[in-house]
């Protein structure tokens, strides 16, 4: 006899509304956030090249500008990150986390 358990937990937070997609990344500034745990040093250069080839004038604020997002106080990060991204002129963000 096997006991079956549903693998999905109840939602702890109600889903929010996503921001609208940018019509294009051309001429935009993309911030890079990383937790420094899994191969971001390989991923981000590849991503930069691919996006630059498709979107003229795209700029990047590298992950080392922001430091690791791993282990930061969640409340502090949530409160300060929007202002930090605005200060760097970021229109969009790529977040890379690994285990």
PDB file of N, CA and C in Angstrom:
ATOM      1  N   UNK A   1       0.836  -1.154   0.000  1.00  0.00           N
ATOM      2  CA  UNK A   1       0.000   0.000   0.000  1.00  0.00           C
ATOM      3  C   UNK A   1       0.895   1.234   0.000  1.00  0.00           C
ATOM      4  N   UNK A   2       0.533   2.211  -0.851  1.00  0.00           N
ATOM      5  CA  UNK A   2       1.268   3.466  -0.949  1.00  0.00           C
ATOM      6  C   UNK A   2       0.351   4.613  -0.534  1.00  0.00           C
ATOM      7  N   UNK A   3       0.931   5.537   0.202  1.00  0.00           N
ATOM      8  CA  UNK A   3       0.199   6.738   0.545  1.00  0.00           C
ATOM      9  C   UNK A   3       0.573   7.805  -0.474  1.00  0.00           C
ATOM     10  N   UNK A   4      -0.414   8.477  -1.002  1.00  0.00           N
ATOM     11  CA  UNK A   4      -0.168   9.499  -2.018  1.00  0.00           C
ATOM     12  C   UNK A   4      -0.280  10.868  -1.379  1.00  0.00           C
ATOM     13  N   UNK A   5       0.720  11.697  -1.670  1.00  0.00           N
ATOM     14  CA  UNK A   5       0.737  13.047  -1.132  1.00  0.00           C
ATOM     15  C   UNK A   5       0.790  14.022  -2.305  1.00  0.00           C
ATOM     16  N   UNK A   6      -0.055  15.022  -2.279  1.00  0.00           N
ATOM     17  CA  UNK A   6      -0.043  16.045  -3.331  1.00  0.00           C
ATOM     18  C   UNK A   6       1.224  16.878  -3.182  1.00  0.00           C
ATOM     19  N   UNK A   7       2.042  17.023  -4.236  1.00  0.00           N
ATOM     20  CA  UNK A   7       3.350  17.691  -4.101  1.00  0.00           C
ATOM     21  C   UNK A   7       3.287  19.209  -4.035  1.00  0.00           C
ATOM     22  N   UNK A   8       2.129  19.787  -4.303  1.00  0.00           N
ATOM     23  CA  UNK A   8       2.045  21.244  -4.285  1.00  0.00           C
ATOM     24  C   UNK A   8       1.517  21.742  -2.943  1.00  0.00           C
ATOM     25  N   UNK A   9       2.247  22.646  -2.357  1.00  0.00           N
ATOM     26  CA  UNK A   9       1.821  23.235  -1.088  1.00  0.00           C
ATOM     27  C   UNK A   9       0.836  24.368  -1.362  1.00  0.00           C
ATOM     28  N   UNK A  10       0.038  24.710  -0.397  1.00  0.00           N
ATOM     29  CA  UNK A  10      -0.848  25.862  -0.590  1.00  0.00           C
ATOM     30  C   UNK A  10      -0.017  27.132  -0.752  1.00  0.00           C
ATOM     31  N   UNK A  11      -0.534  28.078  -1.499  1.00  0.00           N
ATOM     32  CA  UNK A  11       0.185  29.343  -1.712  1.00  0.00           C
ATOM     33  C   UNK A  11       0.247  30.128  -0.417  1.00  0.00           C
ATOM     34  N   UNK A  12       1.440  30.628  -0.106  1.00  0.00           N
ATOM     35  CA  UNK A  12       1.625  31.444   1.092  1.00  0.00           C
ATOM     36  C   UNK A  12       1.372  32.916   0.788  1.00  0.00           C
ATOM     37  N   UNK A  13       1.549  33.288  -0.473  1.00  0.00           N
ATOM     38  CA  UNK A  13       1.375  34.675  -0.891  1.00  0.00           C
ATOM     39  C   UNK A  13       0.483  34.684  -2.118  1.00  0.00           C
ATOM     40  N   UNK A  14      -0.429  35.602  -2.156  1.00  0.00           N
ATOM     41  CA  UNK A  14      -1.304  35.721  -3.329  1.00  0.00           C
ATOM     42  C   UNK A  14      -0.483  36.174  -4.532  1.00  0.00           C
ATOM     43  N   UNK A  15      -0.747  35.618  -5.727  1.00  0.00           N
ATOM     44  CA  UNK A  15       0.008  36.040  -6.910  1.00  0.00           C
ATOM     45  C   UNK A  15      -0.263  37.506  -7.225  1.00  0.00           C
ATOM     46  N   UNK A  16       0.759  38.188  -7.654  1.00  0.00           N
ATOM     47  CA  UNK A  16       0.630  39.598  -8.009  1.00  0.00           C
ATOM     48  C   UNK A  16       0.535  39.778  -9.507  1.00  0.00           C
ATOM     49  N   UNK A  17       0.448  41.001  -9.914  1.00  0.00           N
ATOM     50  CA  UNK A  17       0.387  41.334 -11.332  1.00  0.00           C
ATOM     51  C   UNK A  17       1.801  41.574 -11.841  1.00  0.00           C
ATOM     52  N   UNK A  18       2.133  40.969 -12.953  1.00  0.00           N
ATOM     53  CA  UNK A  18       3.457  41.159 -13.543  1.00  0.00           C
ATOM     54  C   UNK A  18       3.527  42.500 -14.266  1.00  0.00           C
ATOM     55  N   UNK A  19       4.711  43.068 -14.288  1.00  0.00           N
ATOM     56  CA  UNK A  19       4.922  44.294 -15.057  1.00  0.00           C
ATOM     57  C   UNK A  19       4.809  43.952 -16.539  1.00  0.00           C
ATOM     58  N   UNK A  20       4.365  44.890 -17.346  1.00  0.00           N
ATOM     59  CA  UNK A  20       4.276  44.610 -18.782  1.00  0.00           C
ATOM     60  C   UNK A  20       5.674  44.398 -19.374  1.00  0.00           C
ATOM     61  N   UNK A  21       5.737  43.566 -20.396  1.00  0.00           N
ATOM     62  CA  UNK A  21       7.012  43.333 -21.086  1.00  0.00           C
ATOM     63  C   UNK A  21       7.454  44.592 -21.818  1.00  0.00           C
ATOM     64  N   UNK A  22       8.757  44.770 -21.905  1.00  0.00           N
ATOM     65  CA  UNK A  22       9.287  45.865 -22.718  1.00  0.00           C
ATOM     66  C   UNK A  22       9.063  45.522 -24.190  1.00  0.00           C
ATOM     67  N   UNK A  23       8.710  46.481 -25.014  1.00  0.00           N
ATOM     68  CA  UNK A  23       8.496  46.168 -26.433  1.00  0.00           C
ATOM     69  C   UNK A  23       9.784  45.741 -27.130  1.00  0.00           C
ATOM     70  N   UNK A  24      10.918  46.206 -26.625  1.00  0.00           N
ATOM     71  CA  UNK A  24      12.210  45.863 -27.205  1.00  0.00           C
ATOM     72  C   UNK A  24      13.285  46.107 -26.159  1.00  0.00           C
ATOM     73  N   UNK A  25      14.392  45.388 -26.281  1.00  0.00           N
ATOM     74  CA  UNK A  25      15.541  45.631 -25.403  1.00  0.00           C
ATOM     75  C   UNK A  25      16.560  46.561 -26.049  1.00  0.00           C
ATOM     76  N   UNK A  26      16.326  46.947 -27.296  1.00  0.00           N
ATOM     77  CA  UNK A  26      17.241  47.849 -27.998  1.00  0.00           C
ATOM     78  C   UNK A  26      17.359  49.156 -27.224  1.00  0.00           C
ATOM     79  N   UNK A  27      18.589  49.551 -26.937  1.00  0.00           N
ATOM     80  CA  UNK A  27      18.847  50.794 -26.226  1.00  0.00           C
ATOM     81  C   UNK A  27      18.508  50.760 -24.746  1.00  0.00           C
ATOM     82  N   UNK A  28      18.153  49.624 -24.217  1.00  0.00           N
ATOM     83  CA  UNK A  28      17.783  49.495 -22.806  1.00  0.00           C
ATOM     84  C   UNK A  28      18.988  49.082 -21.970  1.00  0.00           C
ATOM     85  N   UNK A  29      18.848  49.253 -20.664  1.00  0.00           N
ATOM     86  CA  UNK A  29      19.889  48.857 -19.720  1.00  0.00           C
ATOM     87  C   UNK A  29      19.364  47.701 -18.880  1.00  0.00           C
ATOM     88  N   UNK A  30      20.140  46.622 -18.842  1.00  0.00           N
ATOM     89  CA  UNK A  30      19.746  45.412 -18.127  1.00  0.00           C
ATOM     90  C   UNK A  30      20.694  45.196 -16.951  1.00  0.00           C
ATOM     91  N   UNK A  31      20.119  45.096 -15.762  1.00  0.00           N
ATOM     92  CA  UNK A  31      20.900  44.778 -14.568  1.00  0.00           C
ATOM     93  C   UNK A  31      21.016  43.272 -14.412  1.00  0.00           C
ATOM     94  N   UNK A  32      22.122  42.834 -13.879  1.00  0.00           N
ATOM     95  CA  UNK A  32      22.362  41.409 -13.639  1.00  0.00           C
ATOM     96  C   UNK A  32      22.428  41.162 -12.134  1.00  0.00           C
ATOM     97  N   UNK A  33      21.579  40.283 -11.646  1.00  0.00           N
ATOM     98  CA  UNK A  33      21.599  39.902 -10.235  1.00  0.00           C
ATOM     99  C   UNK A  33      21.930  38.426 -10.140  1.00  0.00           C
ATOM    100  N   UNK A  34      22.778  38.082  -9.178  1.00  0.00           N
ATOM    101  CA  UNK A  34      23.232  36.693  -9.057  1.00  0.00           C
ATOM    102  C   UNK A  34      23.485  36.388  -7.591  1.00  0.00           C
ATOM    103  N   UNK A  35      23.304  35.137  -7.232  1.00  0.00           N
ATOM    104  CA  UNK A  35      23.565  34.704  -5.859  1.00  0.00           C
ATOM    105  C   UNK A  35      24.976  34.125  -5.684  1.00  0.00           C
ATOM    106  N   UNK A  36      25.790  34.168  -6.728  1.00  0.00           N
ATOM    107  CA  UNK A  36      27.179  33.693  -6.706  1.00  0.00           C
ATOM    108  C   UNK A  36      27.288  32.199  -6.377  1.00  0.00           C
ATOM    109  N   UNK A  37      26.247  31.435  -6.679  1.00  0.00           N
ATOM    110  CA  UNK A  37      26.286  30.026  -6.337  1.00  0.00           C
ATOM    111  C   UNK A  37      26.511  29.097  -7.533  1.00  0.00           C
ATOM    112  N   UNK A  38      26.090  29.459  -8.723  1.00  0.00           N
ATOM    113  CA  UNK A  38      26.213  28.497  -9.810  1.00  0.00           C
ATOM    114  C   UNK A  38      26.481  29.163 -11.148  1.00  0.00           C
ATOM    115  N   UNK A  39      27.684  29.179 -11.601  1.00  0.00           N
ATOM    116  CA  UNK A  39      28.144  29.461 -12.952  1.00  0.00           C
ATOM    117  C   UNK A  39      27.675  30.761 -13.602  1.00  0.00           C
ATOM    118  N   UNK A  40      27.350  31.746 -12.819  1.00  0.00           N
ATOM    119  CA  UNK A  40      26.974  33.041 -13.371  1.00  0.00           C
ATOM    120  C   UNK A  40      28.100  33.682 -14.158  1.00  0.00           C
ATOM    121  N   UNK A  41      29.333  33.419 -13.727  1.00  0.00           N
ATOM    122  CA  UNK A  41      30.496  33.976 -14.441  1.00  0.00           C
ATOM    123  C   UNK A  41      30.589  33.430 -15.863  1.00  0.00           C
ATOM    124  N   UNK A  42      29.958  32.298 -16.124  1.00  0.00           N
ATOM    125  CA  UNK A  42      29.888  31.742 -17.482  1.00  0.00           C
ATOM    126  C   UNK A  42      28.600  32.169 -18.186  1.00  0.00           C
ATOM    127  N   UNK A  43      27.507  32.171 -17.450  1.00  0.00           N
ATOM    128  CA  UNK A  43      26.199  32.473 -18.020  1.00  0.00           C
ATOM    129  C   UNK A  43      26.083  33.913 -18.504  1.00  0.00           C
ATOM    130  N   UNK A  44      26.450  34.874 -17.662  1.00  0.00           N
ATOM    131  CA  UNK A  44      26.220  36.265 -18.010  1.00  0.00           C
ATOM    132  C   UNK A  44      26.978  36.726 -19.252  1.00  0.00           C
ATOM    133  N   UNK A  45      28.259  36.386 -19.450  1.00  0.00           N
ATOM    134  CA  UNK A  45      28.916  36.782 -20.703  1.00  0.00           C
ATOM    135  C   UNK A  45      28.214  36.211 -21.946  1.00  0.00           C
ATOM    136  N   UNK A  46      27.742  34.958 -21.859  1.00  0.00           N
ATOM    137  CA  UNK A  46      27.012  34.369 -22.990  1.00  0.00           C
ATOM    138  C   UNK A  46      25.713  35.119 -23.248  1.00  0.00           C
ATOM    139  N   UNK A  47      25.013  35.433 -22.191  1.00  0.00           N
ATOM    140  CA  UNK A  47      23.757  36.157 -22.313  1.00  0.00           C
ATOM    141  C   UNK A  47      23.978  37.562 -22.875  1.00  0.00           C
ATOM    142  N   UNK A  48      25.019  38.234 -22.409  1.00  0.00           N
ATOM    143  CA  UNK A  48      25.337  39.576 -22.927  1.00  0.00           C
ATOM    144  C   UNK A  48      25.572  39.538 -24.431  1.00  0.00           C
ATOM    145  N   UNK A  49      26.386  38.584 -24.879  1.00  0.00           N
ATOM    146  CA  UNK A  49      26.681  38.484 -26.319  1.00  0.00           C
ATOM    147  C   UNK A  49      25.418  38.205 -27.125  1.00  0.00           C
ATOM    148  N   UNK A  50      24.594  37.267 -26.650  1.00  0.00           N
ATOM    149  CA  UNK A  50      23.377  36.901 -27.382  1.00  0.00           C
ATOM    150  C   UNK A  50      22.400  38.079 -27.450  1.00  0.00           C
ATOM    151  N   UNK A  51      22.216  38.768 -26.337  1.00  0.00           N
ATOM    152  CA  UNK A  51      21.281  39.890 -26.342  1.00  0.00           C
ATOM    153  C   UNK A  51      21.809  41.065 -27.159  1.00  0.00           C
ATOM    154  N   UNK A  52      23.111  41.335 -27.074  1.00  0.00           N
ATOM    155  CA  UNK A  52      23.694  42.422 -27.854  1.00  0.00           C
ATOM    156  C   UNK A  52      23.588  42.157 -29.354  1.00  0.00           C
ATOM    157  N   UNK A  53      23.665  40.905 -29.756  1.00  0.00           N
ATOM    158  CA  UNK A  53      23.540  40.562 -31.178  1.00  0.00           C
ATOM    159  C   UNK A  53      22.120  40.790 -31.689  1.00  0.00           C
ATOM    160  N   UNK A  54      21.127  40.657 -30.807  1.00  0.00           N
ATOM    161  CA  UNK A  54      19.719  40.791 -31.209  1.00  0.00           C
ATOM    162  C   UNK A  54      19.133  42.169 -30.959  1.00  0.00           C
ATOM    163  N   UNK A  55      19.732  42.932 -30.047  1.00  0.00           N
ATOM    164  CA  UNK A  55      19.138  44.203 -29.627  1.00  0.00           C
ATOM    165  C   UNK A  55      20.201  45.307 -29.648  1.00  0.00           C
ATOM    166  N   UNK A  56      20.241  46.105 -30.720  1.00  0.00           N
ATOM    167  CA  UNK A  56      21.268  47.152 -30.843  1.00  0.00           C
ATOM    168  C   UNK A  56      21.222  48.126 -29.666  1.00  0.00           C
ATOM    169  N   UNK A  57      22.393  48.444 -29.152  1.00  0.00           N
ATOM    170  CA  UNK A  57      22.511  49.449 -28.108  1.00  0.00           C
ATOM    171  C   UNK A  57      22.142  48.994 -26.711  1.00  0.00           C
ATOM    172  N   UNK A  58      21.867  47.702 -26.529  1.00  0.00           N
ATOM    173  CA  UNK A  58      21.562  47.223 -25.180  1.00  0.00           C
ATOM    174  C   UNK A  58      22.814  47.369 -24.315  1.00  0.00           C
ATOM    175  N   UNK A  59      22.594  47.781 -23.066  1.00  0.00           N
ATOM    176  CA  UNK A  59      23.704  47.953 -22.125  1.00  0.00           C
ATOM    177  C   UNK A  59      23.451  47.071 -20.911  1.00  0.00           C
ATOM    178  N   UNK A  60      24.526  46.769 -20.180  1.00  0.00           N
ATOM    179  CA  UNK A  60      24.424  45.880 -19.029  1.00  0.00           C
ATOM    180  C   UNK A  60      25.090  46.505 -17.816  1.00  0.00           C
ATOM    181  N   UNK A  61      24.482  46.310 -16.664  1.00  0.00           N
ATOM    182  CA  UNK A  61      25.103  46.640 -15.386  1.00  0.00           C
ATOM    183  C   UNK A  61      25.477  45.291 -14.790  1.00  0.00           C
ATOM    184  N   UNK A  62      26.781  44.956 -14.776  1.00  0.00           N
ATOM    185  CA  UNK A  62      27.219  43.615 -14.386  1.00  0.00           C
ATOM    186  C   UNK A  62      26.870  43.251 -12.947  1.00  0.00           C
ATOM    187  N   UNK A  63      26.759  41.959 -12.719  1.00  0.00           N
ATOM    188  CA  UNK A  63      26.375  41.426 -11.411  1.00  0.00           C
ATOM    189  C   UNK A  63      27.299  41.879 -10.302  1.00  0.00           C
ATOM    190  N   UNK A  64      28.589  42.064 -10.593  1.00  0.00           N
ATOM    191  CA  UNK A  64      29.507  42.451  -9.521  1.00  0.00           C
ATOM    192  C   UNK A  64      29.264  43.886  -9.040  1.00  0.00           C
ATOM    193  N   UNK A  65      28.513  44.658  -9.791  1.00  0.00           N
ATOM    194  CA  UNK A  65      28.109  45.988  -9.347  1.00  0.00           C
ATOM    195  C   UNK A  65      27.207  45.894  -8.119  1.00  0.00           C
ATOM    196  N   UNK A  66      26.365  44.868  -8.091  1.00  0.00           N
ATOM    197  CA  UNK A  66      25.369  44.711  -7.034  1.00  0.00           C
ATOM    198  C   UNK A  66      25.824  43.779  -5.911  1.00  0.00           C
ATOM    199  N   UNK A  67      26.799  42.930  -6.174  1.00  0.00           N
ATOM    200  CA  UNK A  67      27.223  41.944  -5.188  1.00  0.00           C
ATOM    201  C   UNK A  67      26.244  40.785  -5.120  1.00  0.00           C
ATOM    202  N   UNK A  68      26.550  39.835  -4.287  1.00  0.00           N
ATOM    203  CA  UNK A  68      25.723  38.636  -4.163  1.00  0.00           C
ATOM    204  C   UNK A  68      24.375  38.963  -3.533  1.00  0.00           C
ATOM    205  N   UNK A  69      23.322  38.363  -4.079  1.00  0.00           N
ATOM    206  CA  UNK A  69      21.998  38.520  -3.476  1.00  0.00           C
ATOM    207  C   UNK A  69      21.698  37.361  -2.532  1.00  0.00           C
ATOM    208  N   UNK A  70      22.611  36.421  -2.405  1.00  0.00           N
ATOM    209  CA  UNK A  70      22.421  35.264  -1.530  1.00  0.00           C
ATOM    210  C   UNK A  70      22.629  35.650  -0.073  1.00  0.00           C
ATOM    211  N   UNK A  71      21.695  35.244   0.767  1.00  0.00           N
ATOM    212  CA  UNK A  71      21.842  35.460   2.189  1.00  0.00           C
ATOM    213  C   UNK A  71      21.554  36.873   2.655  1.00  0.00           C
ATOM    214  N   UNK A  72      21.212  37.766   1.723  1.00  0.00           N
ATOM    215  CA  UNK A  72      20.870  39.127   2.134  1.00  0.00           C
ATOM    216  C   UNK A  72      19.534  39.100   2.845  1.00  0.00           C
ATOM    217  N   UNK A  73      19.360  40.005   3.759  1.00  0.00           N
ATOM    218  CA  UNK A  73      18.089  40.126   4.457  1.00  0.00           C
ATOM    219  C   UNK A  73      16.992  40.408   3.442  1.00  0.00           C
ATOM    220  N   UNK A  74      16.015  39.512   3.356  1.00  0.00           N
ATOM    221  CA  UNK A  74      14.955  39.634   2.345  1.00  0.00           C
ATOM    222  C   UNK A  74      14.236  40.970   2.419  1.00  0.00           C
ATOM    223  N   UNK A  75      13.891  41.403   3.610  1.00  0.00           N
ATOM    224  CA  UNK A  75      13.153  42.654   3.760  1.00  0.00           C
ATOM    225  C   UNK A  75      14.007  43.839   3.297  1.00  0.00           C
ATOM    226  N   UNK A  76      15.284  43.834   3.657  1.00  0.00           N
ATOM    227  CA  UNK A  76      16.180  44.917   3.238  1.00  0.00           C
ATOM    228  C   UNK A  76      16.358  44.906   1.722  1.00  0.00           C
ATOM    229  N   UNK A  77      16.572  43.731   1.157  1.00  0.00           N
ATOM    230  CA  UNK A  77      16.752  43.620  -0.286  1.00  0.00           C
ATOM    231  C   UNK A  77      15.512  44.115  -1.026  1.00  0.00           C
ATOM    232  N   UNK A  78      14.339  43.671  -0.594  1.00  0.00           N
ATOM    233  CA  UNK A  78      13.091  44.091  -1.234  1.00  0.00           C
ATOM    234  C   UNK A  78      12.888  45.599  -1.128  1.00  0.00           C
ATOM    235  N   UNK A  79      13.309  46.177  -0.026  1.00  0.00           N
ATOM    236  CA  UNK A  79      13.113  47.607   0.185  1.00  0.00           C
ATOM    237  C   UNK A  79      14.110  48.466  -0.587  1.00  0.00           C
ATOM    238  N   UNK A  80      15.341  48.005  -0.722  1.00  0.00           N
ATOM    239  CA  UNK A  80      16.394  48.842  -1.312  1.00  0.00           C
ATOM    240  C   UNK A  80      16.674  48.569  -2.780  1.00  0.00           C
ATOM    241  N   UNK A  81      16.394  47.367  -3.245  1.00  0.00           N
ATOM    242  CA  UNK A  81      16.776  47.006  -4.612  1.00  0.00           C
ATOM    243  C   UNK A  81      16.131  47.876  -5.691  1.00  0.00           C
ATOM    244  N   UNK A  82      14.852  48.204  -5.620  1.00  0.00           N
ATOM    245  CA  UNK A  82      14.291  49.052  -6.680  1.00  0.00           C
ATOM    246  C   UNK A  82      15.031  50.384  -6.838  1.00  0.00           C
ATOM    247  N   UNK A  83      15.378  51.028  -5.739  1.00  0.00           N
ATOM    248  CA  UNK A  83      16.097  52.298  -5.810  1.00  0.00           C
ATOM    249  C   UNK A  83      17.511  52.105  -6.364  1.00  0.00           C
ATOM    250  N   UNK A  84      18.153  51.021  -5.975  1.00  0.00           N
ATOM    251  CA  UNK A  84      19.503  50.740  -6.482  1.00  0.00           C
ATOM    252  C   UNK A  84      19.462  50.510  -7.992  1.00  0.00           C
ATOM    253  N   UNK A  85      18.481  49.743  -8.461  1.00  0.00           N
ATOM    254  CA  UNK A  85      18.355  49.490  -9.898  1.00  0.00           C
ATOM    255  C   UNK A  85      18.059  50.786 -10.652  1.00  0.00           C
ATOM    256  N   UNK A  86      17.182  51.622 -10.106  1.00  0.00           N
ATOM    257  CA  UNK A  86      16.887  52.913 -10.746  1.00  0.00           C
ATOM    258  C   UNK A  86      18.139  53.787 -10.809  1.00  0.00           C
ATOM    259  N   UNK A  87      18.920  53.783  -9.731  1.00  0.00           N
ATOM    260  CA  UNK A  87      20.139  54.595  -9.686  1.00  0.00           C
ATOM    261  C   UNK A  87      21.115  54.192 -10.790  1.00  0.00           C
ATOM    262  N   UNK A  88      21.071  52.937 -11.190  1.00  0.00           N
ATOM    263  CA  UNK A  88      21.948  52.451 -12.266  1.00  0.00           C
ATOM    264  C   UNK A  88      21.254  52.500 -13.628  1.00  0.00           C
ATOM    265  N   UNK A  89      20.050  53.035 -13.671  1.00  0.00           N
ATOM    266  CA  UNK A  89      19.339  53.199 -14.936  1.00  0.00           C
ATOM    267  C   UNK A  89      18.801  51.917 -15.531  1.00  0.00           C
ATOM    268  N   UNK A  90      18.572  50.896 -14.717  1.00  0.00           N
ATOM    269  CA  UNK A  90      18.119  49.598 -15.237  1.00  0.00           C
ATOM    270  C   UNK A  90      16.656  49.658 -15.679  1.00  0.00           C
ATOM    271  N   UNK A  91      16.425  49.195 -16.896  1.00  0.00           N
ATOM    272  CA  UNK A  91      15.070  49.057 -17.443  1.00  0.00           C
ATOM    273  C   UNK A  91      14.534  47.648 -17.212  1.00  0.00           C
ATOM    274  N   UNK A  92      15.435  46.691 -17.061  1.00  0.00           N
ATOM    275  CA  UNK A  92      15.075  45.282 -16.874  1.00  0.00           C
ATOM    276  C   UNK A  92      16.178  44.621 -16.072  1.00  0.00           C
ATOM    277  N   UNK A  93      15.878  43.428 -15.564  1.00  0.00           N
ATOM    278  CA  UNK A  93      16.851  42.698 -14.742  1.00  0.00           C
ATOM    279  C   UNK A  93      16.824  41.230 -15.132  1.00  0.00           C
ATOM    280  N   UNK A  94      17.998  40.612 -15.172  1.00  0.00           N
ATOM    281  CA  UNK A  94      18.124  39.170 -15.295  1.00  0.00           C
ATOM    282  C   UNK A  94      18.624  38.676 -13.943  1.00  0.00           C
ATOM    283  N   UNK A  95      17.893  37.745 -13.347  1.00  0.00           N
ATOM    284  CA  UNK A  95      18.273  37.206 -12.048  1.00  0.00           C
ATOM    285  C   UNK A  95      18.682  35.755 -12.242  1.00  0.00           C
ATOM    286  N   UNK A  96      19.877  35.411 -11.796  1.00  0.00           N
ATOM    287  CA  UNK A  96      20.367  34.033 -11.917  1.00  0.00           C
ATOM    288  C   UNK A  96      20.611  33.493 -10.516  1.00  0.00           C
ATOM    289  N   UNK A  97      19.934  32.408 -10.204  1.00  0.00           N
ATOM    290  CA  UNK A  97      20.131  31.746  -8.922  1.00  0.00           C
ATOM    291  C   UNK A  97      20.394  30.274  -9.176  1.00  0.00           C
ATOM    292  N   UNK A  98      21.220  29.700  -8.363  1.00  0.00           N
ATOM    293  CA  UNK A  98      21.551  28.287  -8.548  1.00  0.00           C
ATOM    294  C   UNK A  98      21.633  27.571  -7.218  1.00  0.00           C
ATOM    295  N   UNK A  99      21.723  26.270  -7.318  1.00  0.00           N
ATOM    296  CA  UNK A  99      21.810  25.480  -6.099  1.00  0.00           C
ATOM    297  C   UNK A  99      23.031  24.608  -6.159  1.00  0.00           C
TER     298      UNK A  99
END
